[in-house]
Structure formats: structure tokens, C-alpha cells
Amino acid sequence: IRQATQAGIVLGGGSWLAGSASNAVTPFARSGPPRLLLSLAGYSFRRYFGKDASQQGIDLFSFVDFCAEHGCDGTELTSYYFDDVGPEFLLKLRRHAFLKGMPISGTAVGNDFTRPKEERKKEIAGVKQWIDRADILGAPHIRIFVGSQGGLTRKEVKRRSIPAIEECADHAAKKGIFLGVENHGGYVGTADELLEIVRSVKSRWLGVNLDTGNFHTEAPYDDIARSAPYAVNVQLKVHVNPAGKESRPVDIPRIVKILKQAGYQGFVALEYEASKDPWEEIPRWLEALNNAFSAA
């Protein structure tokens, strides 16, 4: 069983074996000081994947190179940009990242566990398939969603999504891979809603994929702070969006303080979604994050 050493996570008590993953999710018990490791999400270059070089195109291999050249500790390879998902390609990409000294911090999938039963089975199968691919890649974490099927009651959302998440987490446990449920709006738009679902899942291999820009509440930093003890991955956006107010630049020192107070040890992936040119802006944000991690 692979230990999640890249994230520095220590699970208190119990066995690492998949068969013992029966306890509901609780805040992670981590020993030692906080450690923030800088990564970059492939989604940051979403407008450039698939384009040729004359259009500033990028592929997964050149994205890994970009991360290495800009001081990252890891690289987050979003599943949307894999043109080939065969074992040979995945191993080739894993080898390339290793020789660049770039741990693959994780990947991210786009699933919906709130769909009707037969569609939901396909969603579960798709996530399991990506767990197997992440295992070949050597990625220790996968971002997942709860779902966005409209018109459901809270009770029905939980009835559909929690067993689906548990089934996928059981499969992930066999590979030593963590799943992180993202606060992606909708049914998990607040810390209360997110943690209600996460805490109901029985698995030692599940936590929160904490997206700092996705709480559109009156006090988003409070929601971030409440979710941080459950985080297995952090995606940092360059803006926050308080309810009823204009979007504003993220307060990096405040985010760093929150994560360190939670004792977080693991990757913080910049996920750049702003309108300005990512080729110019991302290096600046990566430098700012590196400086903030070092200074705190």
C-alpha cells in the first residue's frame, strides 16, 4: 500500500488497509509543523491545451516543464486535457515528470453523483477508471464533485451522493489514493453543506479538496477556515467572491495563516481563472505564493 508521504499526512490509529476504512471522515491528525507545497493546476491553462505552438499551445508534457521552470513543488494534471489515457502514455508522462523532479500532486475529474441511478453508475465507473489511471501516474489525490442535478432535496442529494462517494473511496483505498470532495457550489456551497456530506462518508481515504475561491458566502474566509482541517488538497484561486459584494483579490497571507493554523501539510495548487493573460500572470502569482509560504 502506498503511503501518502508527498502530502505529509499521518492518520491517527487504525490500519492503512482498505478493509479497515470504516470510520466516518474527521479532521486529519497530522504530526509536526505545517508544510505548504506549491503546485499548479493544469486547468489554469484551459484555453491553451490542444492548440499548436503558434497559438501558445501547451500539452501535458510542456505543462510539467512549465511547473518545473517556475519553482513548483508539484504539478496537478487535470483529467480534461488527457488526449491519451492508455497505460503506455500514462507511464511516459509519469517518467517525464519524475525526470523533471516534479511530483504529480494529483488530478481532477468532472463527475456528478446526483444523477439518476443508471447515469450515476456510469459516473461511479468513470471515477473508478480515473483512480486506476492515477495509480499508473503515481498521483496521490483526485478531486471529485458531489454533483449538480437540479431540483433535488437535500435528503435526496445525500442519498445519492454519499454511497457513490463511499464506493469510489473504497476503490481508491486499495490503490492508496485520496479523494477530495470540492466545495463546488450548489449543494456544497457552504462549509456546513460540504462537511455534512464529507463527515457522513465512511472512509479514511476521503477529505476535502478546498477551493479558496468557491465559497460565495458572506464570510468566505470563515468557511475556508472551517473546512481546512479536513483538506487533503488545496486549490488556490486569485480572487474571493463574498456574497453581495464584488470579487476581490485573494488575501494570500490570510490563506496561509488559515492553513497553518489547521496544521495543513500538503499541496496548494494555484488554479488561475482570472481574465488576464495566464502566461504573464501565473509566474507572478507562483512567485508571490512561494514568497508567502517561505515568509510565514
C-alpha atoms as a PDB file:
ATOM      1  CA  ILE A   1       0.000   0.000   0.000  1.00  0.00           C
ATOM      2  CA  ARG A   2       1.400   3.427  -0.990  1.00  0.00           C
ATOM      3  CA  GLN A   3       1.725   5.843   1.896  1.00  0.00           C
ATOM      4  CA  ALA A   4       0.742   9.456   1.162  1.00  0.00           C
ATOM      5  CA  THR A   5       4.192  10.784   2.017  1.00  0.00           C
ATOM      6  CA  GLN A   6       4.015  13.610  -0.506  1.00  0.00           C
ATOM      7  CA  ALA A   7       1.217  15.226   1.452  1.00  0.00           C
ATOM      8  CA  GLY A   8       2.828  14.512   4.839  1.00  0.00           C
ATOM      9  CA  ILE A   9      -0.413  13.076   6.182  1.00  0.00           C
ATOM     10  CA  VAL A  10      -0.459  10.933   9.274  1.00  0.00           C
ATOM     11  CA  LEU A  11      -3.643   9.076  10.065  1.00  0.00           C
ATOM     12  CA  GLY A  12      -4.061   8.510  13.750  1.00  0.00           C
ATOM     13  CA  GLY A  13      -4.745   4.930  14.819  1.00  0.00           C
ATOM     14  CA  GLY A  14      -6.097   2.024  12.821  1.00  0.00           C
ATOM     15  CA  SER A  15      -4.723   0.196   9.847  1.00  0.00           C
ATOM     16  CA  TRP A  16      -3.816   1.581   6.422  1.00  0.00           C
ATOM     17  CA  LEU A  17      -5.500  -1.391   4.823  1.00  0.00           C
ATOM     18  CA  ALA A  18      -8.546  -0.719   2.699  1.00  0.00           C
ATOM     19  CA  GLY A  19     -10.613  -3.169   4.709  1.00  0.00           C
ATOM     20  CA  SER A  20     -10.322  -1.029   7.827  1.00  0.00           C
ATOM     21  CA  ALA A  21     -11.613   2.135   6.134  1.00  0.00           C
ATOM     22  CA  SER A  22     -14.862   2.116   8.092  1.00  0.00           C
ATOM     23  CA  ASN A  23     -14.732   5.297  10.151  1.00  0.00           C
ATOM     24  CA  ALA A  24     -16.529   8.467   9.151  1.00  0.00           C
ATOM     25  CA  VAL A  25     -14.313  11.309   7.970  1.00  0.00           C
ATOM     26  CA  THR A  26     -12.910  13.519  10.734  1.00  0.00           C
ATOM     27  CA  PRO A  27     -10.252  16.277  10.785  1.00  0.00           C
ATOM     28  CA  PHE A  28      -6.854  14.823   9.932  1.00  0.00           C
ATOM     29  CA  ALA A  29      -4.388  14.290  12.772  1.00  0.00           C
ATOM     30  CA  ARG A  30      -1.039  15.498  11.472  1.00  0.00           C
ATOM     31  CA  SER A  31       2.211  15.448  13.412  1.00  0.00           C
ATOM     32  CA  GLY A  32       4.918  18.080  13.033  1.00  0.00           C
ATOM     33  CA  PRO A  33       4.755  21.649  11.751  1.00  0.00           C
ATOM     34  CA  PRO A  34       2.583  22.738   8.803  1.00  0.00           C
ATOM     35  CA  ARG A  35       4.077  22.302   5.323  1.00  0.00           C
ATOM     36  CA  LEU A  36       2.728  24.066   2.240  1.00  0.00           C
ATOM     37  CA  LEU A  37       3.939  22.666  -1.091  1.00  0.00           C
ATOM     38  CA  LEU A  38       3.326  24.715  -4.225  1.00  0.00           C
ATOM     39  CA  SER A  39       1.626  23.123  -7.228  1.00  0.00           C
ATOM     40  CA  LEU A  40      -0.136  24.418 -10.326  1.00  0.00           C
ATOM     41  CA  ALA A  41      -3.397  23.097 -11.742  1.00  0.00           C
ATOM     42  CA  GLY A  42      -3.492  22.286 -15.434  1.00  0.00           C
ATOM     43  CA  TYR A  43      -6.910  23.972 -15.548  1.00  0.00           C
ATOM     44  CA  SER A  44      -5.052  27.285 -15.290  1.00  0.00           C
ATOM     45  CA  PHE A  45      -4.124  26.909 -18.986  1.00  0.00           C
ATOM     46  CA  ARG A  46      -7.527  25.579 -20.067  1.00  0.00           C
ATOM     47  CA  ARG A  47      -7.704  27.902 -23.098  1.00  0.00           C
ATOM     48  CA  TYR A  48      -4.364  26.641 -24.451  1.00  0.00           C
ATOM     49  CA  PHE A  49      -4.479  22.859 -24.217  1.00  0.00           C
ATOM     50  CA  GLY A  50      -4.992  21.396 -27.660  1.00  0.00           C
ATOM     51  CA  LYS A  51      -3.640  24.416 -29.544  1.00  0.00           C
ATOM     52  CA  ASP A  52      -0.450  24.307 -31.576  1.00  0.00           C
ATOM     53  CA  ALA A  53       2.738  26.171 -30.674  1.00  0.00           C
ATOM     54  CA  SER A  54       1.913  29.114 -32.937  1.00  0.00           C
ATOM     55  CA  GLN A  55      -1.121  29.790 -30.721  1.00  0.00           C
ATOM     56  CA  GLN A  56       0.799  29.427 -27.446  1.00  0.00           C
ATOM     57  CA  GLY A  57      -0.428  25.872 -27.212  1.00  0.00           C
ATOM     58  CA  ILE A  58       0.533  23.601 -24.346  1.00  0.00           C
ATOM     59  CA  ASP A  59       0.306  19.878 -23.674  1.00  0.00           C
ATOM     60  CA  LEU A  60       0.742  17.876 -20.503  1.00  0.00           C
ATOM     61  CA  PHE A  61       4.476  17.400 -21.040  1.00  0.00           C
ATOM     62  CA  SER A  62       5.193  21.093 -21.609  1.00  0.00           C
ATOM     63  CA  PHE A  63       2.895  21.914 -18.690  1.00  0.00           C
ATOM     64  CA  VAL A  64       5.066  19.749 -16.429  1.00  0.00           C
ATOM     65  CA  ASP A  65       8.098  21.615 -17.795  1.00  0.00           C
ATOM     66  CA  PHE A  66       6.434  24.949 -17.027  1.00  0.00           C
ATOM     67  CA  CYS A  67       5.827  23.895 -13.411  1.00  0.00           C
ATOM     68  CA  ALA A  68       9.463  22.843 -13.044  1.00  0.00           C
ATOM     69  CA  GLU A  69      10.723  26.102 -14.534  1.00  0.00           C
ATOM     70  CA  HIS A  70       8.615  28.261 -12.209  1.00  0.00           C
ATOM     71  CA  GLY A  71       9.528  26.908  -8.794  1.00  0.00           C
ATOM     72  CA  CYS A  72       6.668  24.482  -8.197  1.00  0.00           C
ATOM     73  CA  ASP A  73       6.961  21.514  -5.844  1.00  0.00           C
ATOM     74  CA  GLY A  74       4.428  19.535  -7.851  1.00  0.00           C
ATOM     75  CA  THR A  75       2.144  19.528 -10.877  1.00  0.00           C
ATOM     76  CA  GLU A  76      -1.628  18.918 -10.942  1.00  0.00           C
ATOM     77  CA  LEU A  77      -2.649  17.215 -14.176  1.00  0.00           C
ATOM     78  CA  THR A  78      -6.338  17.898 -14.768  1.00  0.00           C
ATOM     79  CA  SER A  79      -8.025  14.918 -16.419  1.00  0.00           C
ATOM     80  CA  TYR A  80      -9.774  17.054 -19.049  1.00  0.00           C
ATOM     81  CA  TYR A  81      -6.534  17.520 -21.001  1.00  0.00           C
ATOM     82  CA  PHE A  82      -5.509  13.901 -21.499  1.00  0.00           C
ATOM     83  CA  ASP A  83      -5.824  13.082 -25.193  1.00  0.00           C
ATOM     84  CA  ASP A  84      -4.494   9.592 -24.468  1.00  0.00           C
ATOM     85  CA  VAL A  85      -5.305   7.624 -21.308  1.00  0.00           C
ATOM     86  CA  GLY A  86      -3.630   4.341 -22.224  1.00  0.00           C
ATOM     87  CA  PRO A  87      -1.093   2.824 -19.800  1.00  0.00           C
ATOM     88  CA  GLU A  88       1.818   3.465 -22.162  1.00  0.00           C
ATOM     89  CA  PHE A  89       1.039   7.188 -22.362  1.00  0.00           C
ATOM     90  CA  LEU A  90       0.443   7.491 -18.614  1.00  0.00           C
ATOM     91  CA  LEU A  91       3.774   5.824 -17.842  1.00  0.00           C
ATOM     92  CA  LYS A  92       5.534   8.047 -20.373  1.00  0.00           C
ATOM     93  CA  LEU A  93       4.089  11.124 -18.652  1.00  0.00           C
ATOM     94  CA  ARG A  94       4.989   9.772 -15.204  1.00  0.00           C
ATOM     95  CA  ARG A  95       8.579   9.175 -16.353  1.00  0.00           C
ATOM     96  CA  HIS A  96       8.791  12.679 -17.823  1.00  0.00           C
ATOM     97  CA  ALA A  97       7.563  14.249 -14.577  1.00  0.00           C
ATOM     98  CA  PHE A  98       9.981  12.195 -12.496  1.00  0.00           C
ATOM     99  CA  LEU A  99      12.982  13.177 -14.608  1.00  0.00           C
ATOM    100  CA  LYS A 100      11.917  16.810 -14.218  1.00  0.00           C
ATOM    101  CA  GLY A 101      11.821  16.386 -10.446  1.00  0.00           C
ATOM    102  CA  MET A 102       8.101  17.134 -10.485  1.00  0.00           C
ATOM    103  CA  PRO A 103       5.887  15.009  -8.242  1.00  0.00           C
ATOM    104  CA  ILE A 104       2.389  14.705  -9.684  1.00  0.00           C
ATOM    105  CA  SER A 105       0.390  16.257  -6.859  1.00  0.00           C
ATOM    106  CA  GLY A 106      -2.908  14.937  -8.185  1.00  0.00           C
ATOM    107  CA  THR A 107      -5.523  15.073 -10.890  1.00  0.00           C
ATOM    108  CA  ALA A 108      -9.120  16.262 -11.103  1.00  0.00           C
ATOM    109  CA  VAL A 109     -12.215  14.724 -12.656  1.00  0.00           C
ATOM    110  CA  GLY A 110     -15.625  16.109 -13.571  1.00  0.00           C
ATOM    111  CA  ASN A 111     -18.267  13.767 -12.128  1.00  0.00           C
ATOM    112  CA  ASP A 112     -21.881  14.115 -10.975  1.00  0.00           C
ATOM    113  CA  PHE A 113     -23.106  11.759  -8.259  1.00  0.00           C
ATOM    114  CA  THR A 114     -26.550  13.388  -8.044  1.00  0.00           C
ATOM    115  CA  ARG A 115     -27.729  11.937 -11.372  1.00  0.00           C
ATOM    116  CA  PRO A 116     -30.437   9.216 -11.570  1.00  0.00           C
ATOM    117  CA  LYS A 117     -29.406   5.644 -10.755  1.00  0.00           C
ATOM    118  CA  GLU A 118     -28.316   4.319 -14.149  1.00  0.00           C
ATOM    119  CA  GLU A 119     -26.457   7.510 -15.059  1.00  0.00           C
ATOM    120  CA  ARG A 120     -24.901   7.542 -11.589  1.00  0.00           C
ATOM    121  CA  LYS A 121     -23.495   4.053 -12.153  1.00  0.00           C
ATOM    122  CA  LYS A 122     -21.640   5.401 -15.189  1.00  0.00           C
ATOM    123  CA  GLU A 123     -20.332   8.322 -13.143  1.00  0.00           C
ATOM    124  CA  ILE A 124     -19.036   5.932 -10.470  1.00  0.00           C
ATOM    125  CA  ALA A 125     -17.401   3.747 -13.107  1.00  0.00           C
ATOM    126  CA  GLY A 126     -15.736   6.802 -14.626  1.00  0.00           C
ATOM    127  CA  VAL A 127     -14.241   7.901 -11.311  1.00  0.00           C
ATOM    128  CA  LYS A 128     -13.006   4.372 -10.598  1.00  0.00           C
ATOM    129  CA  GLN A 129     -11.397   4.346 -14.017  1.00  0.00           C
ATOM    130  CA  TRP A 130      -9.548   7.552 -13.190  1.00  0.00           C
ATOM    131  CA  ILE A 131      -8.449   6.098  -9.857  1.00  0.00           C
ATOM    132  CA  ASP A 132      -6.783   3.308 -11.819  1.00  0.00           C
ATOM    133  CA  ARG A 133      -5.182   5.851 -14.139  1.00  0.00           C
ATOM    134  CA  ALA A 134      -3.977   7.941 -11.197  1.00  0.00           C
ATOM    135  CA  ASP A 135      -2.398   4.806  -9.791  1.00  0.00           C
ATOM    136  CA  ILE A 136      -0.390   4.366 -13.005  1.00  0.00           C
ATOM    137  CA  LEU A 137       0.557   8.060 -12.983  1.00  0.00           C
ATOM    138  CA  GLY A 138       1.635   7.927  -9.343  1.00  0.00           C
ATOM    139  CA  ALA A 139      -0.851  10.676  -8.422  1.00  0.00           C
ATOM    140  CA  PRO A 140      -1.824  10.512  -4.729  1.00  0.00           C
ATOM    141  CA  HIS A 141      -5.019  12.591  -4.948  1.00  0.00           C
ATOM    142  CA  ILE A 142      -8.092  13.049  -7.154  1.00  0.00           C
ATOM    143  CA  ARG A 143     -10.509  15.986  -6.937  1.00  0.00           C
ATOM    144  CA  ILE A 144     -14.156  14.900  -7.210  1.00  0.00           C
ATOM    145  CA  PHE A 145     -17.536  16.653  -7.131  1.00  0.00           C
ATOM    146  CA  VAL A 146     -20.801  15.851  -5.355  1.00  0.00           C
ATOM    147  CA  GLY A 147     -22.910  16.878  -8.345  1.00  0.00           C
ATOM    148  CA  SER A 148     -25.297  19.488  -9.669  1.00  0.00           C
ATOM    149  CA  GLN A 149     -28.526  17.738 -10.673  1.00  0.00           C
ATOM    150  CA  GLY A 150     -31.211  20.389 -10.207  1.00  0.00           C
ATOM    151  CA  GLY A 151     -34.415  20.175  -8.203  1.00  0.00           C
ATOM    152  CA  LEU A 152     -33.318  17.621  -5.597  1.00  0.00           C
ATOM    153  CA  THR A 153     -33.970  17.890  -1.890  1.00  0.00           C
ATOM    154  CA  ARG A 154     -31.028  17.871   0.472  1.00  0.00           C
ATOM    155  CA  LYS A 155     -32.060  14.412   1.661  1.00  0.00           C
ATOM    156  CA  GLU A 156     -32.069  13.059  -1.892  1.00  0.00           C
ATOM    157  CA  VAL A 157     -28.668  14.587  -2.664  1.00  0.00           C
ATOM    158  CA  LYS A 158     -27.195  12.791   0.328  1.00  0.00           C
ATOM    159  CA  ARG A 159     -28.995   9.541  -0.512  1.00  0.00           C
ATOM    160  CA  ARG A 160     -27.487   9.555  -3.992  1.00  0.00           C
ATOM    161  CA  SER A 161     -24.045  11.001  -3.450  1.00  0.00           C
ATOM    162  CA  ILE A 162     -22.808   9.509  -0.174  1.00  0.00           C
ATOM    163  CA  PRO A 163     -22.961   5.820  -1.233  1.00  0.00           C
ATOM    164  CA  ALA A 164     -21.381   6.756  -4.568  1.00  0.00           C
ATOM    165  CA  ILE A 165     -18.525   8.571  -2.857  1.00  0.00           C
ATOM    166  CA  GLU A 166     -18.040   5.658  -0.448  1.00  0.00           C
ATOM    167  CA  GLU A 167     -17.904   3.147  -3.302  1.00  0.00           C
ATOM    168  CA  CYS A 168     -15.258   5.201  -5.084  1.00  0.00           C
ATOM    169  CA  ALA A 169     -13.327   5.796  -1.859  1.00  0.00           C
ATOM    170  CA  ASP A 170     -13.249   2.040  -1.212  1.00  0.00           C
ATOM    171  CA  HIS A 171     -11.677   1.562  -4.631  1.00  0.00           C
ATOM    172  CA  ALA A 172      -9.242   4.429  -4.039  1.00  0.00           C
ATOM    173  CA  ALA A 173      -8.213   2.917  -0.701  1.00  0.00           C
ATOM    174  CA  LYS A 174      -6.995  -0.205  -2.465  1.00  0.00           C
ATOM    175  CA  LYS A 175      -4.642   1.972  -4.507  1.00  0.00           C
ATOM    176  CA  GLY A 176      -3.546   4.255  -1.673  1.00  0.00           C
ATOM    177  CA  ILE A 177      -5.108   7.301  -3.324  1.00  0.00           C
ATOM    178  CA  PHE A 178      -7.040  10.081  -1.590  1.00  0.00           C
ATOM    179  CA  LEU A 179     -10.262  11.531  -2.944  1.00  0.00           C
ATOM    180  CA  GLY A 180     -11.051  15.167  -2.192  1.00  0.00           C
ATOM    181  CA  VAL A 181     -14.630  16.478  -2.395  1.00  0.00           C
ATOM    182  CA  GLU A 182     -14.569  20.037  -3.704  1.00  0.00           C
ATOM    183  CA  ASN A 183     -16.717  22.893  -2.435  1.00  0.00           C
ATOM    184  CA  HIS A 184     -18.052  23.439  -5.929  1.00  0.00           C
ATOM    185  CA  GLY A 185     -21.164  25.486  -5.201  1.00  0.00           C
ATOM    186  CA  GLY A 186     -24.699  24.159  -5.471  1.00  0.00           C
ATOM    187  CA  TYR A 187     -25.271  21.528  -2.806  1.00  0.00           C
ATOM    188  CA  VAL A 188     -21.846  22.138  -1.221  1.00  0.00           C
ATOM    189  CA  GLY A 189     -21.660  25.921  -1.468  1.00  0.00           C
ATOM    190  CA  THR A 190     -21.023  26.484   2.250  1.00  0.00           C
ATOM    191  CA  ALA A 191     -18.761  24.812   4.787  1.00  0.00           C
ATOM    192  CA  ASP A 192     -21.827  23.435   6.597  1.00  0.00           C
ATOM    193  CA  GLU A 193     -23.176  21.810   3.433  1.00  0.00           C
ATOM    194  CA  LEU A 194     -19.795  20.461   2.368  1.00  0.00           C
ATOM    195  CA  LEU A 195     -18.884  18.997   5.744  1.00  0.00           C
ATOM    196  CA  GLU A 196     -22.326  17.490   6.259  1.00  0.00           C
ATOM    197  CA  ILE A 197     -21.668  15.230   3.279  1.00  0.00           C
ATOM    198  CA  VAL A 198     -17.953  14.639   3.868  1.00  0.00           C
ATOM    199  CA  ARG A 199     -18.460  13.686   7.525  1.00  0.00           C
ATOM    200  CA  SER A 200     -21.116  11.158   6.501  1.00  0.00           C
ATOM    201  CA  VAL A 201     -18.741   9.177   4.310  1.00  0.00           C
ATOM    202  CA  LYS A 202     -17.060   6.187   5.917  1.00  0.00           C
ATOM    203  CA  SER A 203     -13.515   6.173   4.581  1.00  0.00           C
ATOM    204  CA  ARG A 204     -10.016   7.030   5.737  1.00  0.00           C
ATOM    205  CA  TRP A 205      -9.174   7.965   2.150  1.00  0.00           C
ATOM    206  CA  LEU A 206     -11.570  10.870   1.718  1.00  0.00           C
ATOM    207  CA  GLY A 207     -11.228  14.529   2.595  1.00  0.00           C
ATOM    208  CA  VAL A 208     -11.897  17.992   1.222  1.00  0.00           C
ATOM    209  CA  ASN A 209     -10.431  19.465  -1.927  1.00  0.00           C
ATOM    210  CA  LEU A 210     -10.510  23.005  -0.579  1.00  0.00           C
ATOM    211  CA  ASP A 211     -11.070  25.580  -3.331  1.00  0.00           C
ATOM    212  CA  THR A 212     -10.440  29.012  -1.819  1.00  0.00           C
ATOM    213  CA  GLY A 213     -12.479  30.831  -4.465  1.00  0.00           C
ATOM    214  CA  ASN A 214     -15.646  28.743  -4.384  1.00  0.00           C
ATOM    215  CA  PHE A 215     -17.293  29.887  -1.166  1.00  0.00           C
ATOM    216  CA  HIS A 216     -19.673  32.664  -2.271  1.00  0.00           C
ATOM    217  CA  THR A 217     -20.827  33.337   1.273  1.00  0.00           C
ATOM    218  CA  GLU A 218     -20.874  36.438   3.439  1.00  0.00           C
ATOM    219  CA  ALA A 219     -17.639  35.377   5.147  1.00  0.00           C
ATOM    220  CA  PRO A 220     -15.740  33.074   2.740  1.00  0.00           C
ATOM    221  CA  TYR A 221     -12.556  33.062   4.835  1.00  0.00           C
ATOM    222  CA  ASP A 222     -14.555  31.670   7.763  1.00  0.00           C
ATOM    223  CA  ASP A 223     -15.829  28.830   5.546  1.00  0.00           C
ATOM    224  CA  ILE A 224     -12.269  28.179   4.365  1.00  0.00           C
ATOM    225  CA  ALA A 225     -11.050  28.015   7.969  1.00  0.00           C
ATOM    226  CA  ARG A 226     -13.776  25.565   8.963  1.00  0.00           C
ATOM    227  CA  SER A 227     -13.015  23.285   6.024  1.00  0.00           C
ATOM    228  CA  ALA A 228      -9.207  23.407   6.241  1.00  0.00           C
ATOM    229  CA  PRO A 229      -8.811  20.685   8.934  1.00  0.00           C
ATOM    230  CA  TYR A 230     -10.420  18.228   6.504  1.00  0.00           C
ATOM    231  CA  ALA A 231      -8.315  19.230   3.486  1.00  0.00           C
ATOM    232  CA  VAL A 232      -6.295  16.690   1.523  1.00  0.00           C
ATOM    233  CA  ASN A 233      -5.593  19.198  -1.250  1.00  0.00           C
ATOM    234  CA  VAL A 234      -5.978  22.951  -1.661  1.00  0.00           C
ATOM    235  CA  GLN A 235      -6.707  24.800  -4.891  1.00  0.00           C
ATOM    236  CA  LEU A 236      -5.990  28.487  -4.530  1.00  0.00           C
ATOM    237  CA  LYS A 237      -7.859  30.960  -6.713  1.00  0.00           C
ATOM    238  CA  VAL A 238      -6.597  34.516  -7.162  1.00  0.00           C
ATOM    239  CA  HIS A 239      -9.964  36.032  -6.180  1.00  0.00           C
ATOM    240  CA  VAL A 240     -12.581  35.537  -3.481  1.00  0.00           C
ATOM    241  CA  ASN A 241     -16.249  36.278  -4.065  1.00  0.00           C
ATOM    242  CA  PRO A 242     -18.175  37.320  -0.922  1.00  0.00           C
ATOM    243  CA  ALA A 243     -21.952  37.233  -1.249  1.00  0.00           C
ATOM    244  CA  GLY A 244     -23.414  40.539  -2.374  1.00  0.00           C
ATOM    245  CA  LYS A 245     -20.000  42.111  -2.957  1.00  0.00           C
ATOM    246  CA  GLU A 246     -17.625  42.495  -5.859  1.00  0.00           C
ATOM    247  CA  SER A 247     -14.920  39.917  -6.475  1.00  0.00           C
ATOM    248  CA  ARG A 248     -11.630  40.906  -4.859  1.00  0.00           C
ATOM    249  CA  PRO A 249      -8.016  39.651  -4.903  1.00  0.00           C
ATOM    250  CA  VAL A 250      -7.325  36.815  -2.513  1.00  0.00           C
ATOM    251  CA  ASP A 251      -5.548  37.694   0.725  1.00  0.00           C
ATOM    252  CA  ILE A 252      -2.616  35.283   0.422  1.00  0.00           C
ATOM    253  CA  PRO A 253      -1.172  35.861   3.936  1.00  0.00           C
ATOM    254  CA  ARG A 254      -4.625  35.217   5.406  1.00  0.00           C
ATOM    255  CA  ILE A 255      -4.988  31.948   3.461  1.00  0.00           C
ATOM    256  CA  VAL A 256      -1.502  30.859   4.551  1.00  0.00           C
ATOM    257  CA  LYS A 257      -2.348  31.667   8.176  1.00  0.00           C
ATOM    258  CA  ILE A 258      -5.582  29.658   7.988  1.00  0.00           C
ATOM    259  CA  LEU A 259      -3.837  26.630   6.514  1.00  0.00           C
ATOM    260  CA  LYS A 260      -1.020  26.753   9.040  1.00  0.00           C
ATOM    261  CA  GLN A 261      -3.425  27.135  11.953  1.00  0.00           C
ATOM    262  CA  ALA A 262      -5.162  23.998  10.670  1.00  0.00           C
ATOM    263  CA  GLY A 263      -1.800  22.198  10.656  1.00  0.00           C
ATOM    264  CA  TYR A 264      -2.134  21.526   6.943  1.00  0.00           C
ATOM    265  CA  GLN A 265       0.643  19.536   5.300  1.00  0.00           C
ATOM    266  CA  GLY A 266       0.332  19.124   1.578  1.00  0.00           C
ATOM    267  CA  PHE A 267      -0.046  20.731  -1.792  1.00  0.00           C
ATOM    268  CA  VAL A 268      -1.522  24.139  -2.506  1.00  0.00           C
ATOM    269  CA  ALA A 269      -2.244  24.264  -6.250  1.00  0.00           C
ATOM    270  CA  LEU A 270      -2.693  27.625  -7.922  1.00  0.00           C
ATOM    271  CA  GLU A 271      -5.796  27.357 -10.107  1.00  0.00           C
ATOM    272  CA  TYR A 272      -5.738  30.504 -12.203  1.00  0.00           C
ATOM    273  CA  GLU A 273      -9.167  31.533 -13.532  1.00  0.00           C
ATOM    274  CA  ALA A 274      -8.785  35.310 -13.909  1.00  0.00           C
ATOM    275  CA  SER A 275      -9.235  37.026 -17.272  1.00  0.00           C
ATOM    276  CA  LYS A 276      -5.689  38.371 -17.679  1.00  0.00           C
ATOM    277  CA  ASP A 277      -3.091  36.516 -19.746  1.00  0.00           C
ATOM    278  CA  PRO A 278      -2.115  33.370 -17.784  1.00  0.00           C
ATOM    279  CA  TRP A 279       1.331  33.270 -19.424  1.00  0.00           C
ATOM    280  CA  GLU A 280       2.145  36.603 -17.798  1.00  0.00           C
ATOM    281  CA  GLU A 281       0.115  36.368 -14.607  1.00  0.00           C
ATOM    282  CA  ILE A 282       0.733  32.800 -13.436  1.00  0.00           C
ATOM    283  CA  PRO A 283       4.510  33.260 -12.930  1.00  0.00           C
ATOM    284  CA  ARG A 284       3.792  36.339 -10.796  1.00  0.00           C
ATOM    285  CA  TRP A 285       1.274  34.503  -8.658  1.00  0.00           C
ATOM    286  CA  LEU A 286       3.550  31.490  -8.250  1.00  0.00           C
ATOM    287  CA  GLU A 287       6.361  33.774  -7.095  1.00  0.00           C
ATOM    288  CA  ALA A 288       4.021  35.528  -4.651  1.00  0.00           C
ATOM    289  CA  LEU A 289       2.853  32.203  -3.231  1.00  0.00           C
ATOM    290  CA  ASN A 290       6.399  30.887  -2.905  1.00  0.00           C
ATOM    291  CA  ASN A 291       7.396  34.053  -1.042  1.00  0.00           C
ATOM    292  CA  ALA A 292       4.346  33.833   1.236  1.00  0.00           C
ATOM    293  CA  PHE A 293       4.984  30.185   2.065  1.00  0.00           C
ATOM    294  CA  SER A 294       8.607  30.968   2.938  1.00  0.00           C
ATOM    295  CA  ALA A 295       7.820  34.082   4.995  1.00  0.00           C
ATOM    296  CA  ALA A 296       5.044  32.673   7.139  1.00  0.00           C
END
